[in-house]
Amino acid sequence: MSDILCIGSVLWDIIGRSSAAMRVGSDVPGRITRVPGGVAMNIAMTLARFGLRPALLTAIGRDAEGDELVAACERMGMDCSTVYRSDDLPTDRYMAIEGANGLIAAIADAHSLEQAGDKILRPLADGRLGSAAAPYGGQVALDGNLTAALLADIAHSPLFSRADLRVAPASPGKAERLIPLLAHDTATLYVNLEEACIIAKAEARTAAEGAEALLARGAARVLVTDGGREAAEGLRGQGVITGTPPQVLVTRVTGAGDTFMAAHVMAERRGAGRAGALEAALRAAAEYVSGEIGS
């Protein structure tokens, strides 16, 4: 049995990192790595490091890259029995360039996940994990790489009516896809300040203002980060609290938000209150971007 479902992108991350500051047209020495990635995968990896067994609901091709990716997931302790393996869709990939001044550019090739659509959700309907008559009642980490139509269906689907939904956008460019989930009573949204402003259609200047704007739009619960600045957690009817992340030397950024979300989920599973869980998540994200936590 798995401890939590991770639904969304599981792919290969191809990341080029340099210690030099970069701009458009830069050509600098650095390191290029290929590691398992994707929002759902990054969350699952962090949860697995904490000792949980996540189950993956995603689309992975039956190509050589897909076989290698599934094998890597299983070695890390993830349940891949619920993965949709496609014969005619290639395994997805993500490519990013990072410099000393942060993320320079990135391209997400998650077309196979989008084309697979609701096929990845079959285990929630066919009795393996639940059904419309007996919905899955555990925790679900959901990422915004799914299509807008599928996310809207999830927001109103009886298959998710009892689930503890933890939702993360894939990027600011896909943040609007999460708007239908604002009305879901058991959804917690994990966003950065830019994403909060897009979803709430507001001009917030701080994470606390972003959290307030999302609650005003009907969100049940939100967590808003703002890089190395103050973060906030907002809960319907109980207001907003804030926390300040530890100051560290940033060596990487890809995956930091996913680490924050997974650490927050784990802290709550261990019984932490609102302030304690926020502090634990900020600490884990800081350790990750500093390189103290491995990829």
Protein backbone atom coordinates (compact mmCIF):
# COMPACT_ATOMS: atom_id res chain seq x y z
CA MET A 1 0.00 0.00 0.00
CA SER A 2 1.22 3.50 -0.82
CA ASP A 3 1.15 6.41 1.64
CA ILE A 4 0.32 9.18 -0.84
CA LEU A 5 -0.54 9.51 -4.53
CA CYS A 6 1.62 11.78 -6.72
CA ILE A 7 -0.27 12.72 -9.89
CA GLY A 8 1.37 14.58 -12.76
CA SER A 9 4.69 14.86 -14.53
CA VAL A 10 7.40 12.24 -14.14
CA LEU A 11 10.14 12.78 -16.70
CA TRP A 12 13.85 13.26 -17.26
CA ASP A 13 15.31 16.58 -16.07
CA ILE A 14 18.24 17.73 -18.20
CA ILE A 15 19.81 20.60 -16.26
CA GLY A 16 22.81 22.73 -17.24
CA ARG A 17 24.33 24.60 -14.29
CA SER A 18 27.13 27.17 -14.22
CA SER A 19 28.66 29.13 -11.35
CA ALA A 20 28.83 32.17 -13.64
CA ALA A 21 26.12 34.80 -13.98
CA MET A 22 24.42 34.38 -17.35
CA ARG A 23 22.30 36.30 -19.83
CA VAL A 24 20.86 35.67 -23.29
CA GLY A 25 23.64 34.39 -25.56
CA SER A 26 26.03 33.38 -22.75
CA ASP A 27 28.41 30.49 -23.51
CA VAL A 28 30.07 29.38 -20.26
CA PRO A 29 31.55 26.23 -18.71
CA GLY A 30 29.43 24.21 -16.29
CA ARG A 31 27.90 20.83 -15.60
CA ILE A 32 25.04 19.07 -17.38
CA THR A 33 23.07 16.39 -15.53
CA ARG A 34 20.16 14.10 -16.36
CA VAL A 35 18.08 13.02 -13.36
CA PRO A 36 14.48 11.93 -12.75
CA GLY A 37 12.30 15.03 -12.45
CA GLY A 38 8.93 16.62 -13.00
CA VAL A 39 6.75 18.21 -10.33
CA ALA A 40 5.09 14.96 -9.21
CA MET A 41 8.43 13.16 -9.29
CA ASN A 42 10.27 15.83 -7.28
CA ILE A 43 7.56 15.70 -4.62
CA ALA A 44 7.63 11.88 -4.59
CA MET A 45 11.44 11.82 -4.25
CA THR A 46 11.35 14.09 -1.21
CA LEU A 47 8.56 12.06 0.39
CA ALA A 48 10.50 8.86 -0.26
CA ARG A 49 13.55 10.36 1.47
CA PHE A 50 11.31 10.97 4.49
CA GLY A 51 10.36 7.28 4.51
CA LEU A 52 6.99 7.33 2.72
CA ARG A 53 6.04 5.12 -0.22
CA PRO A 54 4.45 7.32 -2.91
CA ALA A 55 2.42 5.85 -5.77
CA LEU A 56 2.84 7.53 -9.15
CA LEU A 57 -0.07 8.29 -11.48
CA THR A 58 1.51 9.57 -14.67
CA ALA A 59 2.28 8.69 -18.28
CA ILE A 60 5.63 7.16 -19.22
CA GLY A 61 6.52 5.80 -22.64
CA ARG A 62 7.47 2.20 -23.33
CA ASP A 63 10.72 3.42 -24.88
CA ALA A 64 14.21 2.85 -23.49
CA GLU A 65 14.16 6.17 -21.63
CA GLY A 66 10.84 5.19 -20.06
CA ASP A 67 12.11 1.79 -18.91
CA GLU A 68 15.14 3.48 -17.37
CA LEU A 69 12.94 6.07 -15.65
CA VAL A 70 10.56 3.48 -14.16
CA ALA A 71 13.54 1.45 -12.90
CA ALA A 72 14.97 4.58 -11.24
CA CYS A 73 11.62 5.32 -9.56
CA GLU A 74 11.34 1.78 -8.21
CA ARG A 75 14.89 1.90 -6.84
CA MET A 76 13.89 4.99 -4.86
CA GLY A 77 10.98 3.13 -3.27
CA MET A 78 8.07 4.39 -5.38
CA ASP A 79 5.07 2.34 -6.43
CA CYS A 80 4.94 2.34 -10.25
CA SER A 81 2.14 -0.20 -10.61
CA THR A 82 -0.34 2.64 -11.27
CA VAL A 83 1.74 4.31 -14.02
CA TYR A 84 0.14 4.48 -17.47
CA ARG A 85 2.70 3.10 -19.96
CA SER A 86 2.04 4.20 -23.51
CA ASP A 87 3.20 2.31 -26.61
CA ASP A 88 2.95 5.33 -28.90
CA LEU A 89 3.89 8.30 -26.67
CA PRO A 90 7.54 9.07 -25.87
CA THR A 91 8.81 9.68 -22.34
CA ASP A 92 8.61 13.38 -21.45
CA ARG A 93 11.64 15.63 -20.81
CA TYR A 94 12.45 18.98 -19.23
CA MET A 95 15.52 21.09 -20.02
CA ALA A 96 16.76 24.08 -18.00
CA ILE A 97 19.77 26.38 -17.82
CA GLU A 98 20.75 27.79 -14.42
CA GLY A 99 23.44 30.36 -13.65
CA ALA A 100 24.67 32.11 -10.52
CA ASN A 101 21.83 34.58 -11.06
CA GLY A 102 19.11 31.90 -11.08
CA LEU A 103 17.06 30.19 -13.75
CA ILE A 104 17.95 31.55 -17.20
CA ALA A 105 15.56 29.54 -19.38
CA ALA A 106 13.64 26.27 -19.41
CA ILE A 107 11.57 24.17 -21.81
CA ALA A 108 9.11 21.54 -20.59
CA ASP A 109 8.28 18.83 -23.13
CA ALA A 110 5.35 17.23 -21.27
CA HIS A 111 3.20 16.55 -24.31
CA SER A 112 2.82 12.84 -23.60
CA LEU A 113 1.32 13.53 -20.17
CA GLU A 114 -1.12 15.99 -21.74
CA GLN A 115 -2.09 13.58 -24.52
CA ALA A 116 -2.61 10.71 -22.09
CA GLY A 117 -5.26 12.81 -20.34
CA ASP A 118 -7.56 11.01 -17.93
CA LYS A 119 -6.00 7.61 -18.72
CA ILE A 120 -3.57 8.28 -15.88
CA LEU A 121 -6.52 8.45 -13.44
CA ARG A 122 -7.92 4.98 -14.21
CA PRO A 123 -6.64 3.42 -10.95
CA LEU A 124 -8.86 5.87 -9.04
CA ALA A 125 -11.96 4.69 -10.89
CA ASP A 126 -11.47 0.97 -11.54
CA GLY A 127 -11.20 -0.16 -7.92
CA ARG A 128 -7.42 -0.40 -7.61
CA LEU A 129 -7.29 2.82 -5.54
CA GLY A 130 -10.94 3.77 -5.41
CA SER A 131 -14.10 4.30 -7.42
CA ALA A 132 -16.93 6.80 -7.81
CA ALA A 133 -18.89 4.90 -5.14
CA ALA A 134 -15.90 4.60 -2.80
CA PRO A 135 -13.56 7.56 -3.52
CA TYR A 136 -9.92 7.55 -2.50
CA GLY A 137 -9.68 9.22 0.92
CA GLY A 138 -5.94 9.73 1.37
CA GLN A 139 -3.47 12.45 0.43
CA VAL A 140 -2.91 13.39 -3.20
CA ALA A 141 -0.09 15.57 -4.54
CA LEU A 142 -1.36 17.05 -7.80
CA ASP A 143 0.73 19.06 -10.24
CA GLY A 144 -0.32 21.67 -12.77
CA ASN A 145 1.25 19.97 -15.79
CA LEU A 146 -2.11 18.31 -16.41
CA THR A 147 -4.31 20.00 -19.00
CA ALA A 148 -6.69 22.76 -17.95
CA ALA A 149 -9.63 20.53 -18.93
CA LEU A 150 -8.43 17.61 -16.82
CA LEU A 151 -7.73 19.83 -13.80
CA ALA A 152 -11.23 21.27 -14.12
CA ASP A 153 -12.66 17.74 -14.24
CA ILE A 154 -10.67 16.79 -11.12
CA ALA A 155 -12.05 19.82 -9.29
CA HIS A 156 -15.60 18.50 -9.72
CA SER A 157 -14.99 14.75 -9.92
CA PRO A 158 -16.50 12.43 -7.29
CA LEU A 159 -13.24 10.45 -7.49
CA PHE A 160 -11.53 13.28 -5.57
CA SER A 161 -14.40 14.27 -3.28
CA ARG A 162 -12.77 12.76 -0.18
CA ALA A 163 -9.11 13.28 -1.06
CA ASP A 164 -6.74 15.62 0.79
CA LEU A 165 -5.53 17.48 -2.32
CA ARG A 166 -2.14 19.20 -2.26
CA VAL A 167 -1.75 21.20 -5.46
CA ALA A 168 1.33 22.76 -7.09
CA PRO A 169 1.45 24.71 -10.38
CA ALA A 170 4.11 23.59 -12.84
CA SER A 171 5.10 27.19 -13.63
CA PRO A 172 3.63 30.71 -13.63
CA GLY A 173 2.63 30.13 -17.25
CA LYS A 174 0.35 27.28 -16.17
CA ALA A 175 -0.92 28.81 -12.92
CA GLU A 176 -4.32 29.80 -14.35
CA ARG A 177 -5.06 26.10 -14.87
CA LEU A 178 -5.53 25.81 -11.10
CA ILE A 179 -8.37 28.35 -10.85
CA PRO A 180 -11.13 25.66 -10.88
CA LEU A 181 -9.49 24.04 -7.82
CA LEU A 182 -9.98 27.21 -5.76
CA ALA A 183 -13.49 26.03 -4.99
CA HIS A 184 -12.41 22.56 -3.82
CA ASP A 185 -12.95 22.39 -0.05
CA THR A 186 -10.07 19.99 0.64
CA ALA A 187 -7.47 21.54 -1.70
CA THR A 188 -4.29 23.20 -0.45
CA LEU A 189 -2.50 25.32 -3.06
CA TYR A 190 1.30 25.71 -2.95
CA VAL A 191 2.31 28.68 -5.12
CA ASN A 192 4.93 31.39 -5.38
CA LEU A 193 4.01 35.07 -5.25
CA GLU A 194 3.84 35.49 -9.02
CA GLU A 195 1.55 32.47 -9.34
CA ALA A 196 -0.63 33.72 -6.47
CA CYS A 197 -1.13 37.03 -8.27
CA ILE A 198 -2.07 35.26 -11.51
CA ILE A 199 -4.59 32.93 -9.86
CA ALA A 200 -6.10 35.61 -7.60
CA LYS A 201 -5.96 38.27 -10.33
CA ALA A 202 -4.35 40.61 -7.79
CA GLU A 203 -1.24 42.77 -7.46
CA ALA A 204 0.13 41.49 -4.17
CA ARG A 205 3.55 42.75 -3.07
CA THR A 206 4.24 40.17 -0.37
CA ALA A 207 3.48 36.50 0.22
CA ALA A 208 1.04 37.47 2.99
CA GLU A 209 -0.87 39.74 0.61
CA GLY A 210 -0.88 36.94 -1.97
CA ALA A 211 -2.32 34.51 0.58
CA GLU A 212 -5.01 37.00 1.59
CA ALA A 213 -5.95 37.55 -2.06
CA LEU A 214 -6.32 33.81 -2.69
CA LEU A 215 -8.46 33.33 0.42
CA ALA A 216 -10.64 36.22 -0.74
CA ARG A 217 -11.10 34.39 -4.05
CA GLY A 218 -12.48 31.36 -2.19
CA ALA A 219 -9.43 29.18 -1.55
CA ALA A 220 -9.67 26.84 1.44
CA ARG A 221 -5.95 26.85 2.18
CA VAL A 222 -2.83 28.28 0.51
CA LEU A 223 0.91 28.48 0.99
CA VAL A 224 2.74 31.29 -0.80
CA THR A 225 6.52 31.56 -1.14
CA ASP A 226 8.63 34.46 -2.40
CA GLY A 227 12.18 33.20 -2.88
CA GLY A 228 14.35 34.14 0.09
CA ARG A 229 11.75 36.57 1.42
CA GLU A 230 8.92 35.99 3.89
CA ALA A 231 6.49 33.15 3.07
CA ALA A 232 2.87 32.82 4.18
CA GLU A 233 0.23 30.21 4.94
CA GLY A 234 -3.46 31.10 4.80
CA LEU A 235 -6.39 29.04 6.11
CA ARG A 236 -10.05 29.86 5.47
CA GLY A 237 -11.58 31.34 8.62
CA GLN A 238 -8.25 31.39 10.51
CA GLY A 239 -6.27 34.04 8.70
CA VAL A 240 -2.66 34.19 7.53
CA ILE A 241 0.61 33.36 9.29
CA THR A 242 4.12 34.06 7.99
CA GLY A 243 7.61 32.60 8.24
CA THR A 244 11.07 33.66 7.08
CA PRO A 245 13.32 31.16 5.26
CA PRO A 246 16.93 30.67 6.41
CA GLN A 247 19.46 32.69 4.44
CA VAL A 248 21.66 30.37 2.35
CA LEU A 249 23.90 30.47 -0.70
CA VAL A 250 21.72 29.44 -3.66
CA THR A 251 23.33 26.79 -5.87
CA ARG A 252 20.19 25.55 -7.69
CA VAL A 253 16.52 26.45 -8.02
CA THR A 254 14.80 23.75 -10.10
CA GLY A 255 12.75 21.59 -7.73
CA ALA A 256 12.86 23.92 -4.71
CA GLY A 257 9.10 24.53 -4.67
CA ASP A 258 8.39 20.82 -4.91
CA THR A 259 10.73 20.15 -2.00
CA PHE A 260 8.92 22.85 0.03
CA MET A 261 5.56 21.21 -0.64
CA ALA A 262 6.73 17.69 0.20
CA ALA A 263 8.42 18.82 3.41
CA HIS A 264 5.26 20.65 4.49
CA VAL A 265 3.12 17.55 3.86
CA MET A 266 5.56 15.41 5.83
CA ALA A 267 5.73 17.86 8.75
CA GLU A 268 1.95 17.78 9.06
CA ARG A 269 1.90 13.99 8.89
CA ARG A 270 4.26 14.07 11.88
CA GLY A 271 1.84 16.25 13.82
CA ALA A 272 3.29 19.74 13.32
CA GLY A 273 0.94 22.72 13.66
CA ARG A 274 0.60 25.53 11.12
CA ALA A 275 3.68 27.48 12.19
CA GLY A 276 5.82 24.40 12.73
CA ALA A 277 4.96 22.89 9.36
CA LEU A 278 5.69 26.18 7.56
CA GLU A 279 9.05 26.48 9.33
CA ALA A 280 9.98 22.88 8.46
CA ALA A 281 9.10 23.40 4.80
CA LEU A 282 11.12 26.62 4.55
CA ARG A 283 14.11 24.94 6.18
CA ALA A 284 13.97 21.97 3.81
CA ALA A 285 13.69 24.22 0.74
CA ALA A 286 16.66 26.30 1.94
CA GLU A 287 18.75 23.17 2.43
CA TYR A 288 17.78 22.00 -1.04
CA VAL A 289 18.72 25.20 -2.89
CA SER A 290 22.00 25.35 -0.98
CA GLY A 291 22.87 21.84 -2.18
CA GLU A 292 22.76 20.26 1.28
CA ILE A 293 19.94 17.91 0.17
CA GLY A 294 20.79 15.74 -2.82
CA SER A 295 18.76 15.68 -6.02
